[in-house]
Each structure stands twice: as C-alpha cells, then as structure tokens.
Amino acid sequence: MINYNNKIFRTIKNTENGETSSETIFEYKQVNNILTSEYSGGKIKYGQLIGIVDEVGNIEMRYHQINMKDEIMTGICKSKPEILENGKIRLHEIWEWTSSDYSSGESIIEEI
C-alpha cells in the first residue's frame, strides 16, 4: 500500500468545471488505510477530504469545500496513483460534484 502521510500535492490539470488549480495545495495525512486532507488556494478558501486507500494505493474519497463565492461544494472522487521516475506520486482523478450542477470531471494532482 502507498502511504500518503505528510505528502503535499498541487493540482497540475483540471477540467473547466472544477475549482482546484495550480494554486491549490493539498496536505495529506494517512493512518492505516484512512486518508484525510485539508486544502486551500485559488478558488478555494478551505476544503477537507476523507477517503480509504486500497492495497495498491487507489483512493476512494468524499470532499467538501468553501469557494471564494462562499458556496459550500461537495463531491466524490476516485484517484489512481502513478509513481514518477523521480519517486514522486501523481494522482489521476475522476470526480463528480454532489452539489451545484452535479457535473463530473477529471484532474491530475502531483506530489511537490
């Protein structure tokens, strides 16, 4: 299992209907297979996520965040890890809003 504890990620790609950007920083914590994160930056004032990490490092998560319009946004996400040549982790994410317009998208975040 990949351990994400104390790893910091930044968004490197997102679909247009997403709110994270290169200014968004995620600070991951992990205990056993439970993953949590606080994040902020760009269009997001504050966000939190909670998820479960499987035996190969895939993450199933739920998130909620407050954007710069003071809207509470919620969603679900599945992330698949890729280990880069430099040993850093890149996460390929498929997500869907469970609030607002209920649209879906794809993003990539990378360990910094």
N, C-alpha and C. Protein backbone atom coordinates (compact mmCIF):
# COMPACT_ATOMS: atom_id res chain seq x y z
N MET A 1 0.85 -1.19 0.00
CA MET A 1 0.00 0.00 0.00
C MET A 1 0.89 1.25 0.00
N ILE A 2 0.52 2.21 -0.80
CA ILE A 2 1.21 3.50 -0.80
C ILE A 2 0.79 4.25 0.46
N ASN A 3 1.75 4.88 1.11
CA ASN A 3 1.43 5.69 2.28
C ASN A 3 1.53 7.16 1.89
N TYR A 4 0.42 7.87 2.00
CA TYR A 4 0.34 9.27 1.61
C TYR A 4 0.60 10.23 2.77
N ASN A 5 0.93 9.70 3.94
CA ASN A 5 1.08 10.54 5.13
C ASN A 5 2.15 11.61 4.94
N ASN A 6 1.78 12.85 5.27
CA ASN A 6 2.65 14.03 5.20
C ASN A 6 3.10 14.40 3.79
N LYS A 7 2.41 13.90 2.77
CA LYS A 7 2.74 14.29 1.39
C LYS A 7 1.90 15.51 1.00
N ILE A 8 2.51 16.38 0.22
CA ILE A 8 1.85 17.61 -0.23
C ILE A 8 1.69 17.54 -1.74
N PHE A 9 0.48 17.86 -2.21
CA PHE A 9 0.14 17.78 -3.63
C PHE A 9 -0.34 19.13 -4.15
N ARG A 10 -0.18 19.32 -5.45
CA ARG A 10 -0.66 20.51 -6.16
C ARG A 10 -1.37 20.04 -7.43
N THR A 11 -2.46 20.70 -7.77
CA THR A 11 -3.17 20.38 -9.00
C THR A 11 -2.33 20.80 -10.20
N ILE A 12 -2.18 19.90 -11.18
CA ILE A 12 -1.46 20.26 -12.40
C ILE A 12 -2.39 20.28 -13.61
N LYS A 13 -3.60 19.70 -13.47
CA LYS A 13 -4.56 19.70 -14.58
C LYS A 13 -5.95 19.48 -14.00
N ASN A 14 -6.94 20.19 -14.57
CA ASN A 14 -8.32 20.01 -14.13
C ASN A 14 -9.26 20.41 -15.27
N THR A 15 -10.42 19.79 -15.31
CA THR A 15 -11.41 20.19 -16.30
C THR A 15 -12.03 21.52 -15.87
N GLU A 16 -12.63 22.20 -16.83
CA GLU A 16 -13.09 23.57 -16.64
C GLU A 16 -14.11 23.74 -15.51
N ASN A 17 -14.92 22.72 -15.25
CA ASN A 17 -15.95 22.82 -14.22
C ASN A 17 -15.43 22.53 -12.81
N GLY A 18 -14.13 22.29 -12.68
CA GLY A 18 -13.53 22.06 -11.37
C GLY A 18 -13.09 23.36 -10.73
N GLU A 19 -12.84 23.32 -9.43
CA GLU A 19 -12.42 24.53 -8.71
C GLU A 19 -10.95 24.51 -8.30
N THR A 20 -10.29 23.36 -8.34
CA THR A 20 -8.87 23.34 -7.98
C THR A 20 -8.03 23.83 -9.15
N SER A 21 -6.86 24.36 -8.82
CA SER A 21 -5.94 24.88 -9.83
C SER A 21 -4.51 24.71 -9.31
N SER A 22 -3.55 25.21 -10.05
CA SER A 22 -2.15 25.11 -9.62
C SER A 22 -1.89 25.87 -8.32
N GLU A 23 -2.83 26.71 -7.92
CA GLU A 23 -2.70 27.44 -6.65
C GLU A 23 -3.24 26.65 -5.46
N THR A 24 -3.87 25.51 -5.73
CA THR A 24 -4.48 24.70 -4.67
C THR A 24 -3.46 23.71 -4.13
N ILE A 25 -3.26 23.73 -2.81
CA ILE A 25 -2.31 22.86 -2.14
C ILE A 25 -3.07 21.91 -1.20
N PHE A 26 -2.78 20.62 -1.33
CA PHE A 26 -3.38 19.57 -0.50
C PHE A 26 -2.31 19.02 0.45
N GLU A 27 -2.64 18.93 1.73
CA GLU A 27 -1.74 18.33 2.72
C GLU A 27 -2.37 17.03 3.19
N TYR A 28 -1.81 15.90 2.73
CA TYR A 28 -2.39 14.59 3.02
C TYR A 28 -1.87 14.03 4.34
N LYS A 29 -2.76 13.35 5.05
CA LYS A 29 -2.43 12.59 6.27
C LYS A 29 -3.03 11.20 6.08
N GLN A 30 -2.34 10.19 6.58
CA GLN A 30 -2.86 8.83 6.48
C GLN A 30 -2.53 8.05 7.74
N VAL A 31 -3.54 7.35 8.28
CA VAL A 31 -3.38 6.42 9.38
C VAL A 31 -4.00 5.11 8.93
N ASN A 32 -3.18 4.06 8.87
CA ASN A 32 -3.61 2.77 8.30
C ASN A 32 -4.14 3.03 6.89
N ASN A 33 -5.40 2.69 6.61
CA ASN A 33 -5.92 2.92 5.26
C ASN A 33 -6.84 4.14 5.17
N ILE A 34 -6.87 4.96 6.23
CA ILE A 34 -7.73 6.14 6.25
C ILE A 34 -6.92 7.37 5.87
N LEU A 35 -7.38 8.06 4.84
CA LEU A 35 -6.71 9.25 4.31
C LEU A 35 -7.55 10.48 4.62
N THR A 36 -6.90 11.56 5.04
CA THR A 36 -7.56 12.85 5.21
C THR A 36 -6.68 13.92 4.60
N SER A 37 -7.29 15.05 4.29
CA SER A 37 -6.52 16.18 3.77
C SER A 37 -7.27 17.47 4.04
N GLU A 38 -6.50 18.51 4.26
CA GLU A 38 -7.02 19.88 4.25
C GLU A 38 -6.37 20.54 3.04
N TYR A 39 -7.10 21.44 2.39
CA TYR A 39 -6.56 22.09 1.20
C TYR A 39 -7.16 23.47 1.02
N SER A 40 -6.44 24.31 0.30
CA SER A 40 -6.90 25.67 0.00
C SER A 40 -6.04 26.24 -1.11
N GLY A 41 -6.48 27.38 -1.64
CA GLY A 41 -5.74 28.06 -2.69
C GLY A 41 -6.54 28.23 -3.95
N GLY A 42 -6.27 29.28 -4.68
CA GLY A 42 -7.01 29.56 -5.91
C GLY A 42 -8.44 29.92 -5.58
N LYS A 43 -9.39 29.20 -6.16
CA LYS A 43 -10.81 29.47 -5.96
C LYS A 43 -11.35 28.90 -4.64
N ILE A 44 -10.50 28.20 -3.88
CA ILE A 44 -10.96 27.51 -2.68
C ILE A 44 -10.41 28.18 -1.42
N LYS A 45 -11.34 28.64 -0.57
CA LYS A 45 -10.93 29.21 0.73
C LYS A 45 -10.46 28.11 1.66
N TYR A 46 -11.23 27.01 1.72
CA TYR A 46 -10.89 25.91 2.63
C TYR A 46 -11.61 24.65 2.19
N GLY A 47 -10.91 23.53 2.22
CA GLY A 47 -11.52 22.25 1.88
C GLY A 47 -10.97 21.13 2.73
N GLN A 48 -11.75 20.06 2.80
CA GLN A 48 -11.35 18.84 3.50
C GLN A 48 -11.78 17.65 2.67
N LEU A 49 -10.99 16.58 2.78
CA LEU A 49 -11.41 15.33 2.16
C LEU A 49 -11.13 14.19 3.12
N ILE A 50 -11.88 13.10 2.93
CA ILE A 50 -11.67 11.87 3.69
C ILE A 50 -11.82 10.71 2.73
N GLY A 51 -10.94 9.72 2.87
CA GLY A 51 -11.00 8.61 1.94
C GLY A 51 -10.40 7.35 2.50
N ILE A 52 -10.52 6.31 1.69
CA ILE A 52 -9.96 5.00 2.00
C ILE A 52 -8.96 4.64 0.91
N VAL A 53 -7.78 4.18 1.34
CA VAL A 53 -6.72 3.77 0.41
C VAL A 53 -6.74 2.25 0.32
N ASP A 54 -6.76 1.71 -0.91
CA ASP A 54 -6.74 0.26 -1.06
C ASP A 54 -5.30 -0.26 -1.11
N GLU A 55 -5.14 -1.56 -1.29
CA GLU A 55 -3.83 -2.21 -1.20
C GLU A 55 -2.84 -1.76 -2.27
N VAL A 56 -3.31 -1.18 -3.38
CA VAL A 56 -2.38 -0.69 -4.42
C VAL A 56 -2.30 0.83 -4.48
N GLY A 57 -2.94 1.51 -3.52
CA GLY A 57 -2.83 2.96 -3.44
C GLY A 57 -3.96 3.74 -4.06
N ASN A 58 -4.96 3.06 -4.64
CA ASN A 58 -6.14 3.77 -5.15
C ASN A 58 -6.89 4.38 -3.97
N ILE A 59 -7.48 5.55 -4.21
CA ILE A 59 -8.20 6.25 -3.15
C ILE A 59 -9.65 6.46 -3.58
N GLU A 60 -10.57 6.13 -2.69
CA GLU A 60 -11.98 6.49 -2.87
C GLU A 60 -12.27 7.52 -1.80
N MET A 61 -12.75 8.71 -2.20
CA MET A 61 -12.89 9.79 -1.23
C MET A 61 -14.16 10.60 -1.43
N ARG A 62 -14.45 11.37 -0.41
CA ARG A 62 -15.50 12.38 -0.41
C ARG A 62 -14.84 13.70 -0.01
N TYR A 63 -15.33 14.80 -0.57
CA TYR A 63 -14.74 16.10 -0.22
C TYR A 63 -15.82 17.16 -0.08
N HIS A 64 -15.48 18.18 0.69
CA HIS A 64 -16.32 19.37 0.79
C HIS A 64 -15.40 20.57 0.92
N GLN A 65 -15.86 21.68 0.36
CA GLN A 65 -15.02 22.88 0.33
C GLN A 65 -15.89 24.13 0.27
N ILE A 66 -15.29 25.23 0.71
CA ILE A 66 -15.93 26.54 0.60
C ILE A 66 -15.13 27.33 -0.42
N ASN A 67 -15.80 27.78 -1.47
CA ASN A 67 -15.11 28.52 -2.52
C ASN A 67 -15.12 30.03 -2.23
N MET A 68 -14.50 30.79 -3.11
CA MET A 68 -14.39 32.24 -2.91
C MET A 68 -15.74 32.95 -3.00
N LYS A 69 -16.78 32.28 -3.50
CA LYS A 69 -18.13 32.85 -3.53
C LYS A 69 -18.90 32.51 -2.26
N ASP A 70 -18.20 31.90 -1.28
CA ASP A 70 -18.81 31.42 -0.03
C ASP A 70 -19.88 30.38 -0.26
N GLU A 71 -19.69 29.56 -1.28
CA GLU A 71 -20.58 28.43 -1.54
C GLU A 71 -19.94 27.17 -0.96
N ILE A 72 -20.74 26.32 -0.35
CA ILE A 72 -20.27 25.02 0.10
C ILE A 72 -20.47 24.04 -1.05
N MET A 73 -19.38 23.44 -1.50
CA MET A 73 -19.40 22.50 -2.61
C MET A 73 -18.99 21.12 -2.07
N THR A 74 -19.64 20.06 -2.58
CA THR A 74 -19.34 18.70 -2.13
C THR A 74 -19.16 17.80 -3.35
N GLY A 75 -18.41 16.71 -3.14
CA GLY A 75 -18.22 15.79 -4.25
C GLY A 75 -17.61 14.47 -3.85
N ILE A 76 -17.50 13.60 -4.85
CA ILE A 76 -16.87 12.29 -4.70
C ILE A 76 -15.74 12.19 -5.72
N CYS A 77 -14.74 11.39 -5.38
CA CYS A 77 -13.57 11.28 -6.26
C CYS A 77 -12.93 9.91 -6.11
N LYS A 78 -12.43 9.39 -7.24
CA LYS A 78 -11.60 8.19 -7.22
C LYS A 78 -10.26 8.56 -7.83
N SER A 79 -9.19 8.24 -7.11
CA SER A 79 -7.84 8.59 -7.55
C SER A 79 -7.01 7.34 -7.76
N LYS A 80 -6.25 7.34 -8.86
CA LYS A 80 -5.37 6.22 -9.18
C LYS A 80 -3.93 6.74 -9.20
N PRO A 81 -3.02 6.12 -8.44
CA PRO A 81 -1.65 6.63 -8.37
C PRO A 81 -0.77 6.19 -9.54
N GLU A 82 0.17 7.05 -9.85
CA GLU A 82 1.26 6.74 -10.79
C GLU A 82 2.54 7.17 -10.09
N ILE A 83 3.52 6.29 -10.02
CA ILE A 83 4.80 6.65 -9.42
C ILE A 83 5.71 7.16 -10.53
N LEU A 84 6.17 8.39 -10.39
CA LEU A 84 7.01 9.02 -11.40
C LEU A 84 8.46 8.53 -11.28
N GLU A 85 9.26 8.79 -12.30
CA GLU A 85 10.66 8.37 -12.30
C GLU A 85 11.44 8.93 -11.11
N ASN A 86 11.05 10.12 -10.64
CA ASN A 86 11.74 10.73 -9.51
C ASN A 86 11.21 10.23 -8.16
N GLY A 87 10.29 9.25 -8.18
CA GLY A 87 9.74 8.69 -6.95
C GLY A 87 8.52 9.40 -6.41
N LYS A 88 8.19 10.56 -6.98
CA LYS A 88 7.02 11.31 -6.55
C LYS A 88 5.74 10.63 -7.06
N ILE A 89 4.62 10.98 -6.44
CA ILE A 89 3.33 10.39 -6.79
C ILE A 89 2.51 11.37 -7.60
N ARG A 90 1.91 10.87 -8.67
CA ARG A 90 0.94 11.63 -9.45
C ARG A 90 -0.39 10.89 -9.32
N LEU A 91 -1.46 11.62 -9.00
CA LEU A 91 -2.78 11.02 -8.85
C LEU A 91 -3.68 11.44 -10.01
N HIS A 92 -4.23 10.44 -10.70
CA HIS A 92 -5.19 10.65 -11.78
C HIS A 92 -6.58 10.51 -11.18
N GLU A 93 -7.37 11.57 -11.25
CA GLU A 93 -8.63 11.63 -10.52
C GLU A 93 -9.84 11.75 -11.44
N ILE A 94 -10.87 11.01 -11.10
CA ILE A 94 -12.18 11.15 -11.74
C ILE A 94 -13.13 11.57 -10.62
N TRP A 95 -13.78 12.71 -10.79
CA TRP A 95 -14.59 13.27 -9.72
C TRP A 95 -15.97 13.69 -10.22
N GLU A 96 -16.85 13.92 -9.26
CA GLU A 96 -18.21 14.35 -9.58
C GLU A 96 -18.73 15.21 -8.44
N TRP A 97 -19.33 16.33 -8.81
CA TRP A 97 -19.98 17.18 -7.81
C TRP A 97 -21.23 16.49 -7.29
N THR A 98 -21.45 16.57 -5.98
CA THR A 98 -22.71 16.11 -5.39
C THR A 98 -23.52 17.31 -4.91
N SER A 99 -23.17 18.45 -5.43
CA SER A 99 -23.88 19.71 -5.18
C SER A 99 -23.81 20.53 -6.46
N SER A 100 -24.44 21.69 -6.46
CA SER A 100 -24.42 22.60 -7.60
C SER A 100 -24.98 21.92 -8.85
N ASP A 101 -24.17 21.79 -9.91
CA ASP A 101 -24.70 21.27 -11.18
C ASP A 101 -24.52 19.75 -11.36
N TYR A 102 -23.93 19.07 -10.38
CA TYR A 102 -23.75 17.61 -10.40
C TYR A 102 -22.93 17.13 -11.60
N SER A 103 -22.11 18.00 -12.15
CA SER A 103 -21.27 17.63 -13.29
C SER A 103 -20.08 16.81 -12.81
N SER A 104 -19.34 16.25 -13.76
CA SER A 104 -18.17 15.46 -13.42
C SER A 104 -16.96 15.97 -14.20
N GLY A 105 -15.79 15.49 -13.82
CA GLY A 105 -14.58 15.91 -14.49
C GLY A 105 -13.40 15.03 -14.14
N GLU A 106 -12.25 15.43 -14.63
CA GLU A 106 -11.01 14.71 -14.37
C GLU A 106 -9.93 15.72 -14.01
N SER A 107 -9.07 15.32 -13.08
CA SER A 107 -7.96 16.18 -12.70
C SER A 107 -6.73 15.34 -12.42
N ILE A 108 -5.60 16.00 -12.36
CA ILE A 108 -4.34 15.36 -12.00
C ILE A 108 -3.68 16.22 -10.93
N ILE A 109 -3.30 15.59 -9.84
CA ILE A 109 -2.51 16.29 -8.83
C ILE A 109 -1.18 15.57 -8.68
N GLU A 110 -0.15 16.34 -8.30
CA GLU A 110 1.18 15.76 -8.24
C GLU A 110 1.87 16.17 -6.95
N GLU A 111 2.61 15.23 -6.38
CA GLU A 111 3.37 15.50 -5.16
C GLU A 111 4.44 16.54 -5.42
N ILE A 112 4.57 17.50 -4.49
CA ILE A 112 5.61 18.53 -4.65
C ILE A 112 6.67 18.37 -3.56
